[in-house]
Each structure stands twice: as structure tokens, then as C-alpha cells.
Protein backbone atom coordinates (compact mmCIF):
# COMPACT_ATOMS: atom_id res chain seq x y z
CA UNK A 1 13.01 2.89 -5.57
CA UNK A 2 12.26 -0.09 -6.89
CA UNK A 3 8.45 0.06 -6.44
CA UNK A 4 5.64 -0.68 -4.25
CA UNK A 5 4.29 -2.95 -2.00
CA UNK A 6 0.88 -3.80 -0.09
CA UNK A 7 0.05 -6.24 2.46
CA UNK A 8 -3.53 -6.65 3.85
CA UNK A 9 -4.99 -7.81 7.35
CA UNK A 10 -4.89 -11.96 5.93
CA UNK A 11 -0.86 -12.00 5.19
CA UNK A 12 -1.77 -12.07 1.55
CA UNK A 13 0.91 -9.36 -0.99
CA UNK A 14 0.91 -7.68 -3.97
CA UNK A 15 3.58 -6.77 -5.88
CA UNK A 16 2.45 -3.77 -7.56
CA UNK A 17 5.35 -2.60 -9.08
CA UNK A 18 7.34 0.88 -10.67
CA UNK A 19 4.05 2.45 -10.30
CA UNK A 20 3.76 6.94 -9.80
CA UNK A 21 -0.31 5.56 -8.37
CA UNK A 22 0.28 3.16 -6.40
CA UNK A 23 -3.74 3.30 -5.12
CA UNK A 24 -4.69 2.84 -9.03
CA UNK A 25 -2.40 -0.14 -9.09
CA UNK A 26 -3.54 -1.32 -5.87
CA UNK A 27 -7.37 -0.82 -7.25
CA UNK A 28 -6.11 -2.89 -10.35
CA UNK A 29 -4.81 -5.81 -8.87
CA UNK A 30 -7.92 -6.16 -5.69
CA UNK A 31 -10.53 -5.43 -9.08
CA UNK A 32 -12.03 -2.52 -6.71
CA UNK A 33 -13.50 1.15 -8.31
CA UNK A 34 -13.13 2.56 -4.86
CA UNK A 35 -10.25 2.86 -2.41
CA UNK A 36 -10.68 4.72 1.24
CA UNK A 37 -7.83 6.10 3.27
CA UNK A 38 -6.84 3.96 5.70
CA UNK A 39 -4.88 6.03 8.84
CA UNK A 40 -2.90 5.05 11.83
CA UNK A 41 -2.29 7.60 15.06
CA UNK A 42 0.78 9.19 15.47
CA UNK A 43 2.42 11.09 18.99
CA UNK A 44 1.90 13.92 16.83
CA UNK A 45 -1.59 13.73 14.90
CA UNK A 46 -2.38 10.63 12.21
CA UNK A 47 -0.87 9.54 8.93
CA UNK A 48 -2.24 7.32 6.24
CA UNK A 49 -0.50 4.23 5.57
CA UNK A 50 -2.89 2.92 2.73
CA UNK A 51 -6.19 1.81 1.73
CA UNK A 52 -9.15 0.04 2.51
CA UNK A 53 -10.79 -2.10 -0.98
CA UNK A 54 -12.71 -4.41 -0.96
CA UNK A 55 -12.95 -5.58 2.79
CA UNK A 56 -8.68 -5.31 2.01
CA UNK A 57 -6.95 -2.83 4.67
CA UNK A 58 -3.45 -2.83 2.98
CA UNK A 59 -0.47 -1.16 4.06
CA UNK A 60 1.10 0.31 1.76
CA UNK A 61 5.40 0.15 2.10
CA UNK A 62 7.87 1.30 -0.67
CA UNK A 63 10.72 -1.02 -1.63
CA UNK A 64 14.44 0.30 -2.06
CA UNK A 65 17.43 -1.90 -3.22
CA UNK A 66 19.88 -3.28 -0.49
CA UNK A 67 23.06 -1.77 -0.91
CA UNK A 68 26.51 -2.50 0.90
CA UNK A 69 28.85 -0.47 2.17
């Protein structure tokens, strides 16, 4: 894995790098002090997909290298 990136509801992207704690890196990028978990509903319940920080609804993604076959 190369790292994490986040995208908010406005289309802004935040490249968090290869960090152990993406929540902490996102808080630093947005200048926030607290984060509320953001969930989506699935067929089998709900799952966390990111955090809400200072009015930004950030969905977090893992970044992987594309490998040719």
C-alpha cells in the first residue's frame, strides 16, 4: 500500500501519505481537533468510510500501486 487519500463533499482531495493513523493525518491537514465517524448503510448493516471534520465529510481511500499482469 502506498498510503491514504481523502476526498470531501466539495471534491477537495487530501493526500495523507503512508501513515499509520489516517485520522490523525486528516485532522492535521484540516486543522481540526475532533473527528466524528462517517458511516454508510450496506445490505448487511453499516460500515465506517471516513470522518466528518470541521464541516468536511471526508471519505478515506487506501492507495495501492497498479501492477501489470
